[in-house]
Amino acid sequence: GQERFGNMTRVYYREAMGAFIVFDVTRPSTFEAISKWKEDLDSKLTLPNGKHVSAVLLANKCDQGKDMLMNNGIKMDQFCKENGFVGWFETSAKASRNIYQYILGTCQCFFR
């Protein structure tokens, strides 16, 4: 999600069948950038049938802090629906929290 890599995204998207967009729940600016990254993905990558690839939103660092952006699951579900995500998961790379669940859940979303 670093700005300096924005012009390189097409290389990473090539032939992808799905995508994760990750934000840091401890940094509101990363949540605010989600729409920009989703628009970038949708503008540069489509499936052979012309549809957008499935994208899952990952809320990382859910092990830190009590005032997380996505405390309200209903709001996150609505945000995903309004912005074209197939779903979202709370994760923690540091604590290995929900890593298996989001991979399994994401695969199920991608292959529906």
PDB file of N, CA and C in Angstrom:
ATOM      1  N   GLY A   1       0.772  -1.194   0.000  1.00  0.00           N
ATOM      2  CA  GLY A   1       0.000   0.000   0.000  1.00  0.00           C
ATOM      3  C   GLY A   1       0.823   1.273   0.000  1.00  0.00           C
ATOM      4  N   GLN A   2       2.112   1.160  -0.210  1.00  0.00           N
ATOM      5  CA  GLN A   2       2.963   2.346  -0.222  1.00  0.00           C
ATOM      6  C   GLN A   2       2.741   3.135  -1.509  1.00  0.00           C
ATOM      7  N   GLU A   3       2.603   4.436  -1.396  1.00  0.00           N
ATOM      8  CA  GLU A   3       2.377   5.308  -2.554  1.00  0.00           C
ATOM      9  C   GLU A   3       3.440   5.134  -3.629  1.00  0.00           C
ATOM     10  N   ARG A   4       4.673   4.959  -3.219  1.00  0.00           N
ATOM     11  CA  ARG A   4       5.767   4.898  -4.196  1.00  0.00           C
ATOM     12  C   ARG A   4       5.684   3.678  -5.113  1.00  0.00           C
ATOM     13  N   PHE A   5       4.870   2.689  -4.751  1.00  0.00           N
ATOM     14  CA  PHE A   5       4.742   1.502  -5.582  1.00  0.00           C
ATOM     15  C   PHE A   5       3.497   1.530  -6.464  1.00  0.00           C
ATOM     16  N   GLY A   6       2.731   2.599  -6.399  1.00  0.00           N
ATOM     17  CA  GLY A   6       1.479   2.694  -7.138  1.00  0.00           C
ATOM     18  C   GLY A   6       1.613   2.502  -8.634  1.00  0.00           C
ATOM     19  N   ASN A   7       2.714   2.966  -9.218  1.00  0.00           N
ATOM     20  CA  ASN A   7       2.875   2.834 -10.669  1.00  0.00           C
ATOM     21  C   ASN A   7       3.349   1.450 -11.085  1.00  0.00           C
ATOM     22  N   MET A   8       3.620   0.566 -10.148  1.00  0.00           N
ATOM     23  CA  MET A   8       4.092  -0.785 -10.463  1.00  0.00           C
ATOM     24  C   MET A   8       2.998  -1.840 -10.323  1.00  0.00           C
ATOM     25  N   THR A   9       1.803  -1.448  -9.956  1.00  0.00           N
ATOM     26  CA  THR A   9       0.785  -2.437  -9.612  1.00  0.00           C
ATOM     27  C   THR A   9       0.387  -3.342 -10.767  1.00  0.00           C
ATOM     28  N   ARG A  10       0.383  -2.834 -11.976  1.00  0.00           N
ATOM     29  CA  ARG A  10      -0.029  -3.662 -13.113  1.00  0.00           C
ATOM     30  C   ARG A  10       0.814  -4.933 -13.218  1.00  0.00           C
ATOM     31  N   VAL A  11       2.088  -4.839 -12.916  1.00  0.00           N
ATOM     32  CA  VAL A  11       2.984  -6.001 -12.961  1.00  0.00           C
ATOM     33  C   VAL A  11       2.528  -7.057 -11.960  1.00  0.00           C
ATOM     34  N   TYR A  12       2.135  -6.628 -10.778  1.00  0.00           N
ATOM     35  CA  TYR A  12       1.723  -7.568  -9.736  1.00  0.00           C
ATOM     36  C   TYR A  12       0.324  -8.120  -9.970  1.00  0.00           C
ATOM     37  N   TYR A  13      -0.512  -7.382 -10.641  1.00  0.00           N
ATOM     38  CA  TYR A  13      -1.876  -7.822 -10.905  1.00  0.00           C
ATOM     39  C   TYR A  13      -1.956  -8.850 -12.030  1.00  0.00           C
ATOM     40  N   ARG A  14      -0.995  -8.844 -12.925  1.00  0.00           N
ATOM     41  CA  ARG A  14      -1.070  -9.643 -14.144  1.00  0.00           C
ATOM     42  C   ARG A  14      -1.442 -11.097 -13.855  1.00  0.00           C
ATOM     43  N   GLU A  15      -2.491 -11.561 -14.497  1.00  0.00           N
ATOM     44  CA  GLU A  15      -3.004 -12.922 -14.439  1.00  0.00           C
ATOM     45  C   GLU A  15      -3.522 -13.341 -13.067  1.00  0.00           C
ATOM     46  N   ALA A  16      -3.744 -12.402 -12.171  1.00  0.00           N
ATOM     47  CA  ALA A  16      -4.295 -12.729 -10.854  1.00  0.00           C
ATOM     48  C   ALA A  16      -5.763 -13.121 -10.995  1.00  0.00           C
ATOM     49  N   MET A  17      -6.194 -14.030 -10.159  1.00  0.00           N
ATOM     50  CA  MET A  17      -7.587 -14.479 -10.157  1.00  0.00           C
ATOM     51  C   MET A  17      -8.360 -13.914  -8.961  1.00  0.00           C
ATOM     52  N   GLY A  18      -7.663 -13.240  -8.079  1.00  0.00           N
ATOM     53  CA  GLY A  18      -8.271 -12.642  -6.897  1.00  0.00           C
ATOM     54  C   GLY A  18      -7.260 -11.739  -6.227  1.00  0.00           C
ATOM     55  N   ALA A  19      -7.714 -10.967  -5.252  1.00  0.00           N
ATOM     56  CA  ALA A  19      -6.805 -10.020  -4.603  1.00  0.00           C
ATOM     57  C   ALA A  19      -7.187  -9.793  -3.145  1.00  0.00           C
ATOM     58  N   PHE A  20      -6.175  -9.450  -2.356  1.00  0.00           N
ATOM     59  CA  PHE A  20      -6.349  -8.988  -0.983  1.00  0.00           C
ATOM     60  C   PHE A  20      -5.974  -7.515  -0.954  1.00  0.00           C
ATOM     61  N   ILE A  21      -6.733  -6.729  -0.269  1.00  0.00           N
ATOM     62  CA  ILE A  21      -6.326  -5.359   0.030  1.00  0.00           C
ATOM     63  C   ILE A  21      -6.279  -5.273   1.550  1.00  0.00           C
ATOM     64  N   VAL A  22      -5.124  -4.891   2.066  1.00  0.00           N
ATOM     65  CA  VAL A  22      -4.879  -4.904   3.506  1.00  0.00           C
ATOM     66  C   VAL A  22      -4.800  -3.475   4.027  1.00  0.00           C
ATOM     67  N   PHE A  23      -5.434  -3.241   5.169  1.00  0.00           N
ATOM     68  CA  PHE A  23      -5.241  -1.967   5.851  1.00  0.00           C
ATOM     69  C   PHE A  23      -4.856  -2.233   7.296  1.00  0.00           C
ATOM     70  N   ASP A  24      -4.211  -1.258   7.891  1.00  0.00           N
ATOM     71  CA  ASP A  24      -3.706  -1.326   9.258  1.00  0.00           C
ATOM     72  C   ASP A  24      -4.718  -0.641  10.169  1.00  0.00           C
ATOM     73  N   VAL A  25      -5.336  -1.400  11.068  1.00  0.00           N
ATOM     74  CA  VAL A  25      -6.390  -0.824  11.908  1.00  0.00           C
ATOM     75  C   VAL A  25      -5.872   0.252  12.860  1.00  0.00           C
ATOM     76  N   THR A  26      -4.559   0.334  13.030  1.00  0.00           N
ATOM     77  CA  THR A  26      -3.987   1.352  13.918  1.00  0.00           C
ATOM     78  C   THR A  26      -3.648   2.645  13.177  1.00  0.00           C
ATOM     79  N   ARG A  27      -3.817   2.639  11.844  1.00  0.00           N
ATOM     80  CA  ARG A  27      -3.493   3.826  11.035  1.00  0.00           C
ATOM     81  C   ARG A  27      -4.680   4.173  10.138  1.00  0.00           C
ATOM     82  N   PRO A  28      -5.503   5.125  10.543  1.00  0.00           N
ATOM     83  CA  PRO A  28      -6.692   5.488   9.766  1.00  0.00           C
ATOM     84  C   PRO A  28      -6.404   5.835   8.307  1.00  0.00           C
ATOM     85  N   SER A  29      -5.246   6.378   8.013  1.00  0.00           N
ATOM     86  CA  SER A  29      -4.938   6.746   6.625  1.00  0.00           C
ATOM     87  C   SER A  29      -4.934   5.528   5.710  1.00  0.00           C
ATOM     88  N   THR A  30      -4.597   4.362   6.246  1.00  0.00           N
ATOM     89  CA  THR A  30      -4.595   3.164   5.400  1.00  0.00           C
ATOM     90  C   THR A  30      -6.018   2.731   5.076  1.00  0.00           C
ATOM     91  N   PHE A  31      -6.947   2.953   5.997  1.00  0.00           N
ATOM     92  CA  PHE A  31      -8.351   2.656   5.716  1.00  0.00           C
ATOM     93  C   PHE A  31      -8.883   3.617   4.662  1.00  0.00           C
ATOM     94  N   GLU A  32      -8.496   4.870   4.775  1.00  0.00           N
ATOM     95  CA  GLU A  32      -8.944   5.885   3.818  1.00  0.00           C
ATOM     96  C   GLU A  32      -8.428   5.610   2.409  1.00  0.00           C
ATOM     97  N   ALA A  33      -7.325   4.885   2.282  1.00  0.00           N
ATOM     98  CA  ALA A  33      -6.732   4.593   0.973  1.00  0.00           C
ATOM     99  C   ALA A  33      -7.331   3.358   0.300  1.00  0.00           C
ATOM    100  N   ILE A  34      -8.192   2.635   0.992  1.00  0.00           N
ATOM    101  CA  ILE A  34      -8.750   1.396   0.440  1.00  0.00           C
ATOM    102  C   ILE A  34      -9.432   1.638  -0.899  1.00  0.00           C
ATOM    103  N   SER A  35     -10.259   2.652  -0.978  1.00  0.00           N
ATOM    104  CA  SER A  35     -11.000   2.917  -2.224  1.00  0.00           C
ATOM    105  C   SER A  35     -10.059   3.173  -3.386  1.00  0.00           C
ATOM    106  N   LYS A  36      -8.974   3.892  -3.131  1.00  0.00           N
ATOM    107  CA  LYS A  36      -7.997   4.174  -4.186  1.00  0.00           C
ATOM    108  C   LYS A  36      -7.374   2.879  -4.705  1.00  0.00           C
ATOM    109  N   TRP A  37      -7.013   1.987  -3.788  1.00  0.00           N
ATOM    110  CA  TRP A  37      -6.394   0.726  -4.204  1.00  0.00           C
ATOM    111  C   TRP A  37      -7.394  -0.173  -4.924  1.00  0.00           C
ATOM    112  N   LYS A  38      -8.643  -0.157  -4.497  1.00  0.00           N
ATOM    113  CA  LYS A  38      -9.670  -0.966  -5.167  1.00  0.00           C
ATOM    114  C   LYS A  38      -9.929  -0.424  -6.568  1.00  0.00           C
ATOM    115  N   GLU A  39      -9.983   0.884  -6.714  1.00  0.00           N
ATOM    116  CA  GLU A  39     -10.160   1.484  -8.043  1.00  0.00           C
ATOM    117  C   GLU A  39      -8.987   1.143  -8.953  1.00  0.00           C
ATOM    118  N   ASP A  40      -7.782   1.176  -8.416  1.00  0.00           N
ATOM    119  CA  ASP A  40      -6.594   0.827  -9.185  1.00  0.00           C
ATOM    120  C   ASP A  40      -6.677  -0.623  -9.655  1.00  0.00           C
ATOM    121  N   LEU A  41      -7.045  -1.507  -8.753  1.00  0.00           N
ATOM    122  CA  LEU A  41      -7.191  -2.924  -9.091  1.00  0.00           C
ATOM    123  C   LEU A  41      -8.230  -3.111 -10.194  1.00  0.00           C
ATOM    124  N   ASP A  42      -9.397  -2.527 -10.009  1.00  0.00           N
ATOM    125  CA  ASP A  42     -10.481  -2.695 -10.982  1.00  0.00           C
ATOM    126  C   ASP A  42     -10.151  -2.092 -12.341  1.00  0.00           C
ATOM    127  N   SER A  43      -9.357  -1.023 -12.361  1.00  0.00           N
ATOM    128  CA  SER A  43      -9.031  -0.384 -13.639  1.00  0.00           C
ATOM    129  C   SER A  43      -7.941  -1.129 -14.413  1.00  0.00           C
ATOM    130  N   LYS A  44      -7.160  -1.948 -13.725  1.00  0.00           N
ATOM    131  CA  LYS A  44      -6.026  -2.600 -14.378  1.00  0.00           C
ATOM    132  C   LYS A  44      -6.154  -4.106 -14.532  1.00  0.00           C
ATOM    133  N   LEU A  45      -7.179  -4.701 -13.929  1.00  0.00           N
ATOM    134  CA  LEU A  45      -7.285  -6.157 -13.972  1.00  0.00           C
ATOM    135  C   LEU A  45      -8.733  -6.598 -14.095  1.00  0.00           C
ATOM    136  N   THR A  46      -9.004  -7.389 -15.110  1.00  0.00           N
ATOM    137  CA  THR A  46     -10.313  -8.015 -15.253  1.00  0.00           C
ATOM    138  C   THR A  46     -10.109  -9.474 -15.619  1.00  0.00           C
ATOM    139  N   LEU A  47     -11.101 -10.270 -15.347  1.00  0.00           N
ATOM    140  CA  LEU A  47     -11.077 -11.681 -15.713  1.00  0.00           C
ATOM    141  C   LEU A  47     -11.350 -11.808 -17.212  1.00  0.00           C
ATOM    142  N   PRO A  48     -11.064 -12.965 -17.792  1.00  0.00           N
ATOM    143  CA  PRO A  48     -11.318 -13.146 -19.227  1.00  0.00           C
ATOM    144  C   PRO A  48     -12.769 -12.857 -19.631  1.00  0.00           C
ATOM    145  N   ASN A  49     -13.710 -13.036 -18.694  1.00  0.00           N
ATOM    146  CA  ASN A  49     -15.118 -12.760 -19.008  1.00  0.00           C
ATOM    147  C   ASN A  49     -15.479 -11.279 -18.853  1.00  0.00           C
ATOM    148  N   GLY A  50     -14.481 -10.440 -18.529  1.00  0.00           N
ATOM    149  CA  GLY A  50     -14.695  -9.008 -18.411  1.00  0.00           C
ATOM    150  C   GLY A  50     -15.082  -8.523 -17.024  1.00  0.00           C
ATOM    151  N   LYS A  51     -15.324  -9.438 -16.106  1.00  0.00           N
ATOM    152  CA  LYS A  51     -15.692  -9.051 -14.741  1.00  0.00           C
ATOM    153  C   LYS A  51     -14.450  -8.711 -13.932  1.00  0.00           C
ATOM    154  N   HIS A  52     -14.666  -7.947 -12.859  1.00  0.00           N
ATOM    155  CA  HIS A  52     -13.571  -7.639 -11.938  1.00  0.00           C
ATOM    156  C   HIS A  52     -13.212  -8.888 -11.141  1.00  0.00           C
ATOM    157  N   VAL A  53     -11.951  -8.984 -10.736  1.00  0.00           N
ATOM    158  CA  VAL A  53     -11.547 -10.102  -9.889  1.00  0.00           C
ATOM    159  C   VAL A  53     -12.159  -9.908  -8.502  1.00  0.00           C
ATOM    160  N   SER A  54     -12.352 -11.003  -7.802  1.00  0.00           N
ATOM    161  CA  SER A  54     -12.842 -10.932  -6.428  1.00  0.00           C
ATOM    162  C   SER A  54     -11.759 -10.342  -5.543  1.00  0.00           C
ATOM    163  N   ALA A  55     -12.145  -9.441  -4.670  1.00  0.00           N
ATOM    164  CA  ALA A  55     -11.195  -8.818  -3.746  1.00  0.00           C
ATOM    165  C   ALA A  55     -11.724  -8.947  -2.322  1.00  0.00           C
ATOM    166  N   VAL A  56     -10.814  -9.283  -1.421  1.00  0.00           N
ATOM    167  CA  VAL A  56     -11.134  -9.423  -0.005  1.00  0.00           C
ATOM    168  C   VAL A  56     -10.371  -8.353   0.762  1.00  0.00           C
ATOM    169  N   LEU A  57     -11.025  -7.742   1.723  1.00  0.00           N
ATOM    170  CA  LEU A  57     -10.422  -6.708   2.552  1.00  0.00           C
ATOM    171  C   LEU A  57      -9.910  -7.340   3.843  1.00  0.00           C
ATOM    172  N   LEU A  58      -8.645  -7.083   4.167  1.00  0.00           N
ATOM    173  CA  LEU A  58      -8.045  -7.614   5.390  1.00  0.00           C
ATOM    174  C   LEU A  58      -7.744  -6.475   6.351  1.00  0.00           C
ATOM    175  N   ALA A  59      -8.284  -6.571   7.557  1.00  0.00           N
ATOM    176  CA  ALA A  59      -8.051  -5.588   8.617  1.00  0.00           C
ATOM    177  C   ALA A  59      -6.925  -6.125   9.495  1.00  0.00           C
ATOM    178  N   ASN A  60      -5.697  -5.697   9.226  1.00  0.00           N
ATOM    179  CA  ASN A  60      -4.526  -6.231   9.924  1.00  0.00           C
ATOM    180  C   ASN A  60      -4.266  -5.492  11.236  1.00  0.00           C
ATOM    181  N   LYS A  61      -3.518  -6.140  12.095  1.00  0.00           N
ATOM    182  CA  LYS A  61      -3.158  -5.651  13.439  1.00  0.00           C
ATOM    183  C   LYS A  61      -4.376  -5.601  14.358  1.00  0.00           C
ATOM    184  N   CYS A  62      -5.294  -6.540  14.159  1.00  0.00           N
ATOM    185  CA  CYS A  62      -6.494  -6.560  14.999  1.00  0.00           C
ATOM    186  C   CYS A  62      -6.167  -6.936  16.442  1.00  0.00           C
ATOM    187  N   ASP A  63      -4.936  -7.344  16.700  1.00  0.00           N
ATOM    188  CA  ASP A  63      -4.512  -7.660  18.064  1.00  0.00           C
ATOM    189  C   ASP A  63      -4.133  -6.406  18.852  1.00  0.00           C
ATOM    190  N   GLN A  64      -4.081  -5.268  18.175  1.00  0.00           N
ATOM    191  CA  GLN A  64      -3.628  -4.027  18.826  1.00  0.00           C
ATOM    192  C   GLN A  64      -4.774  -3.043  18.997  1.00  0.00           C
ATOM    193  N   GLY A  65      -4.831  -2.435  20.134  1.00  0.00           N
ATOM    194  CA  GLY A  65      -5.800  -1.362  20.368  1.00  0.00           C
ATOM    195  C   GLY A  65      -7.224  -1.835  20.509  1.00  0.00           C
ATOM    196  N   LYS A  66      -8.013  -1.060  21.218  1.00  0.00           N
ATOM    197  CA  LYS A  66      -9.422  -1.390  21.422  1.00  0.00           C
ATOM    198  C   LYS A  66     -10.329  -0.568  20.529  1.00  0.00           C
ATOM    199  N   ASP A  67      -9.847   0.552  20.047  1.00  0.00           N
ATOM    200  CA  ASP A  67     -10.649   1.447  19.209  1.00  0.00           C
ATOM    201  C   ASP A  67     -10.344   1.213  17.741  1.00  0.00           C
ATOM    202  N   MET A  68     -10.636   0.030  17.276  1.00  0.00           N
ATOM    203  CA  MET A  68     -10.323  -0.296  15.891  1.00  0.00           C
ATOM    204  C   MET A  68     -11.382   0.262  14.954  1.00  0.00           C
ATOM    205  N   LEU A  69     -10.968   0.510  13.739  1.00  0.00           N
ATOM    206  CA  LEU A  69     -11.872   1.069  12.735  1.00  0.00           C
ATOM    207  C   LEU A  69     -13.045   0.156  12.441  1.00  0.00           C
ATOM    208  N   MET A  70     -12.815  -1.148  12.525  1.00  0.00           N
ATOM    209  CA  MET A  70     -13.860  -2.062  12.104  1.00  0.00           C
ATOM    210  C   MET A  70     -14.556  -2.734  13.266  1.00  0.00           C
ATOM    211  N   ASN A  71     -14.597  -2.082  14.437  1.00  0.00           N
ATOM    212  CA  ASN A  71     -15.273  -2.658  15.596  1.00  0.00           C
ATOM    213  C   ASN A  71     -16.705  -3.065  15.277  1.00  0.00           C
ATOM    214  N   ASN A  72     -17.343  -2.378  14.393  1.00  0.00           N
ATOM    215  CA  ASN A  72     -18.717  -2.678  14.042  1.00  0.00           C
ATOM    216  C   ASN A  72     -18.741  -3.504  12.757  1.00  0.00           C
ATOM    217  N   GLY A  73     -18.939  -4.803  12.908  1.00  0.00           N
ATOM    218  CA  GLY A  73     -18.946  -5.711  11.761  1.00  0.00           C
ATOM    219  C   GLY A  73     -19.991  -5.368  10.723  1.00  0.00           C
ATOM    220  N   ILE A  74     -21.133  -4.859  11.165  1.00  0.00           N
ATOM    221  CA  ILE A  74     -22.194  -4.495  10.222  1.00  0.00           C
ATOM    222  C   ILE A  74     -21.721  -3.366   9.314  1.00  0.00           C
ATOM    223  N   LYS A  75     -21.019  -2.386   9.893  1.00  0.00           N
ATOM    224  CA  LYS A  75     -20.494  -1.285   9.077  1.00  0.00           C
ATOM    225  C   LYS A  75     -19.451  -1.791   8.088  1.00  0.00           C
ATOM    226  N   MET A  76     -18.613  -2.718   8.514  1.00  0.00           N
ATOM    227  CA  MET A  76     -17.600  -3.266   7.605  1.00  0.00           C
ATOM    228  C   MET A  76     -18.259  -4.066   6.489  1.00  0.00           C
ATOM    229  N   ASP A  77     -19.279  -4.841   6.826  1.00  0.00           N
ATOM    230  CA  ASP A  77     -20.007  -5.591   5.798  1.00  0.00           C
ATOM    231  C   ASP A  77     -20.607  -4.637   4.772  1.00  0.00           C
ATOM    232  N   GLN A  78     -21.189  -3.545   5.237  1.00  0.00           N
ATOM    233  CA  GLN A  78     -21.784  -2.552   4.344  1.00  0.00           C
ATOM    234  C   GLN A  78     -20.712  -1.884   3.489  1.00  0.00           C
ATOM    235  N   PHE A  79     -19.577  -1.539   4.102  1.00  0.00           N
ATOM    236  CA  PHE A  79     -18.476  -0.929   3.363  1.00  0.00           C
ATOM    237  C   PHE A  79     -18.020  -1.860   2.238  1.00  0.00           C
ATOM    238  N   CYS A  80     -17.886  -3.138   2.548  1.00  0.00           N
ATOM    239  CA  CYS A  80     -17.454  -4.103   1.532  1.00  0.00           C
ATOM    240  C   CYS A  80     -18.465  -4.195   0.396  1.00  0.00           C
ATOM    241  N   LYS A  81     -19.723  -4.238   0.741  1.00  0.00           N
ATOM    242  CA  LYS A  81     -20.776  -4.316  -0.273  1.00  0.00           C
ATOM    243  C   LYS A  81     -20.754  -3.085  -1.176  1.00  0.00           C
ATOM    244  N   GLU A  82     -20.633  -1.908  -0.572  1.00  0.00           N
ATOM    245  CA  GLU A  82     -20.645  -0.657  -1.334  1.00  0.00           C
ATOM    246  C   GLU A  82     -19.402  -0.470  -2.194  1.00  0.00           C
ATOM    247  N   ASN A  83     -18.298  -1.110  -1.821  1.00  0.00           N
ATOM    248  CA  ASN A  83     -17.034  -0.904  -2.523  1.00  0.00           C
ATOM    249  C   ASN A  83     -16.568  -2.113  -3.323  1.00  0.00           C
ATOM    250  N   GLY A  84     -17.424  -3.101  -3.476  1.00  0.00           N
ATOM    251  CA  GLY A  84     -17.124  -4.220  -4.357  1.00  0.00           C
ATOM    252  C   GLY A  84     -16.206  -5.291  -3.798  1.00  0.00           C
ATOM    253  N   PHE A  85     -16.120  -5.402  -2.484  1.00  0.00           N
ATOM    254  CA  PHE A  85     -15.344  -6.481  -1.874  1.00  0.00           C
ATOM    255  C   PHE A  85     -16.273  -7.659  -1.602  1.00  0.00           C
ATOM    256  N   VAL A  86     -15.746  -8.882  -1.728  1.00  0.00           N
ATOM    257  CA  VAL A  86     -16.571 -10.056  -1.459  1.00  0.00           C
ATOM    258  C   VAL A  86     -16.678 -10.339   0.034  1.00  0.00           C
ATOM    259  N   GLY A  87     -15.843  -9.723   0.830  1.00  0.00           N
ATOM    260  CA  GLY A  87     -15.888  -9.912   2.274  1.00  0.00           C
ATOM    261  C   GLY A  87     -14.674  -9.294   2.936  1.00  0.00           C
ATOM    262  N   TRP A  88     -14.585  -9.478   4.255  1.00  0.00           N
ATOM    263  CA  TRP A  88     -13.469  -8.927   5.010  1.00  0.00           C
ATOM    264  C   TRP A  88     -13.154  -9.852   6.178  1.00  0.00           C
ATOM    265  N   PHE A  89     -11.921  -9.763   6.649  1.00  0.00           N
ATOM    266  CA  PHE A  89     -11.464 -10.560   7.786  1.00  0.00           C
ATOM    267  C   PHE A  89     -10.586  -9.702   8.684  1.00  0.00           C
ATOM    268  N   GLU A  90     -10.715  -9.894   9.993  1.00  0.00           N
ATOM    269  CA  GLU A  90      -9.776  -9.320  10.949  1.00  0.00           C
ATOM    270  C   GLU A  90      -8.575 -10.253  11.000  1.00  0.00           C
ATOM    271  N   THR A  91      -7.382  -9.710  10.922  1.00  0.00           N
ATOM    272  CA  THR A  91      -6.177 -10.533  10.958  1.00  0.00           C
ATOM    273  C   THR A  91      -5.108  -9.881  11.827  1.00  0.00           C
ATOM    274  N   SER A  92      -4.128 -10.684  12.167  1.00  0.00           N
ATOM    275  CA  SER A  92      -2.921 -10.180  12.814  1.00  0.00           C
ATOM    276  C   SER A  92      -1.763 -11.009  12.300  1.00  0.00           C
ATOM    277  N   ALA A  93      -0.929 -10.403  11.486  1.00  0.00           N
ATOM    278  CA  ALA A  93       0.249 -11.109  10.980  1.00  0.00           C
ATOM    279  C   ALA A  93       1.198 -11.427  12.131  1.00  0.00           C
ATOM    280  N   LYS A  94       1.325 -10.507  13.061  1.00  0.00           N
ATOM    281  CA  LYS A  94       2.241 -10.688  14.197  1.00  0.00           C
ATOM    282  C   LYS A  94       1.805 -11.849  15.088  1.00  0.00           C
ATOM    283  N   ALA A  95       0.526 -11.913  15.401  1.00  0.00           N
ATOM    284  CA  ALA A  95       0.011 -12.946  16.297  1.00  0.00           C
ATOM    285  C   ALA A  95      -0.513 -14.168  15.538  1.00  0.00           C
ATOM    286  N   SER A  96      -0.360 -14.168  14.216  1.00  0.00           N
ATOM    287  CA  SER A  96      -0.883 -15.247  13.362  1.00  0.00           C
ATOM    288  C   SER A  96      -2.372 -15.494  13.619  1.00  0.00           C
ATOM    289  N   ARG A  97      -3.101 -14.432  13.827  1.00  0.00           N
ATOM    290  CA  ARG A  97      -4.529 -14.542  14.127  1.00  0.00           C
ATOM    291  C   ARG A  97      -5.355 -14.532  12.851  1.00  0.00           C
ATOM    292  N   ASN A  98      -6.191 -15.529  12.708  1.00  0.00           N
ATOM    293  CA  ASN A  98      -7.133 -15.667  11.594  1.00  0.00           C
ATOM    294  C   ASN A  98      -6.466 -15.813  10.228  1.00  0.00           C
ATOM    295  N   ILE A  99      -5.192 -16.125  10.186  1.00  0.00           N
ATOM    296  CA  ILE A  99      -4.509 -16.279   8.899  1.00  0.00           C
ATOM    297  C   ILE A  99      -5.109 -17.454   8.128  1.00  0.00           C
ATOM    298  N   TYR A 100      -5.215 -18.600   8.764  1.00  0.00           N
ATOM    299  CA  TYR A 100      -5.788 -19.780   8.106  1.00  0.00           C
ATOM    300  C   TYR A 100      -7.229 -19.508   7.681  1.00  0.00           C
ATOM    301  N   GLN A 101      -8.017 -18.889   8.567  1.00  0.00           N
ATOM    302  CA  GLN A 101      -9.422 -18.629   8.273  1.00  0.00           C
ATOM    303  C   GLN A 101      -9.587 -17.712   7.063  1.00  0.00           C
ATOM    304  N   TYR A 102      -8.758 -16.652   6.978  1.00  0.00           N
ATOM    305  CA  TYR A 102      -8.949 -15.753   5.834  1.00  0.00           C
ATOM    306  C   TYR A 102      -8.480 -16.389   4.542  1.00  0.00           C
ATOM    307  N   ILE A 103      -7.445 -17.218   4.602  1.00  0.00           N
ATOM    308  CA  ILE A 103      -7.006 -17.894   3.378  1.00  0.00           C
ATOM    309  C   ILE A 103      -8.087 -18.856   2.905  1.00  0.00           C
ATOM    310  N   LEU A 104      -8.618 -19.655   3.810  1.00  0.00           N
ATOM    311  CA  LEU A 104      -9.677 -20.595   3.453  1.00  0.00           C
ATOM    312  C   LEU A 104     -10.926 -19.851   2.980  1.00  0.00           C
ATOM    313  N   GLY A 105     -11.338 -18.840   3.725  1.00  0.00           N
ATOM    314  CA  GLY A 105     -12.523 -18.070   3.358  1.00  0.00           C
ATOM    315  C   GLY A 105     -12.362 -17.351   2.034  1.00  0.00           C
ATOM    316  N   THR A 106     -11.177 -16.841   1.806  1.00  0.00           N
ATOM    317  CA  THR A 106     -10.908 -16.133   0.558  1.00  0.00           C
ATOM    318  C   THR A 106     -10.963 -17.083  -0.626  1.00  0.00           C
ATOM    319  N   CYS A 107     -10.368 -18.235  -0.477  1.00  0.00           N
ATOM    320  CA  CYS A 107     -10.418 -19.221  -1.565  1.00  0.00           C
ATOM    321  C   CYS A 107     -11.861 -19.583  -1.886  1.00  0.00           C
ATOM    322  N   GLN A 108     -12.679 -19.730  -0.865  1.00  0.00           N
ATOM    323  CA  GLN A 108     -14.091 -20.037  -1.097  1.00  0.00           C
ATOM    324  C   GLN A 108     -14.775 -18.889  -1.837  1.00  0.00           C
ATOM    325  N   CYS A 109     -14.445 -17.654  -1.480  1.00  0.00           N
ATOM    326  CA  CYS A 109     -15.030 -16.488  -2.162  1.00  0.00           C
ATOM    327  C   CYS A 109     -14.574 -16.411  -3.613  1.00  0.00           C
ATOM    328  N   PHE A 110     -13.300 -16.672  -3.852  1.00  0.00           N
ATOM    329  CA  PHE A 110     -12.745 -16.556  -5.196  1.00  0.00           C
ATOM    330  C   PHE A 110     -13.324 -17.590  -6.153  1.00  0.00           C
ATOM    331  N   PHE A 111     -13.644 -18.769  -5.634  1.00  0.00           N
ATOM    332  CA  PHE A 111     -14.058 -19.850  -6.518  1.00  0.00           C
ATOM    333  C   PHE A 111     -15.554 -20.113  -6.498  1.00  0.00           C
ATOM    334  N   ARG A 112     -16.328 -19.128  -6.096  1.00  0.00           N
ATOM    335  CA  ARG A 112     -17.793 -19.256  -6.144  1.00  0.00           C
ATOM    336  C   ARG A 112     -18.272 -19.147  -7.555  1.00  0.00           C
TER     337      ARG A 112
END
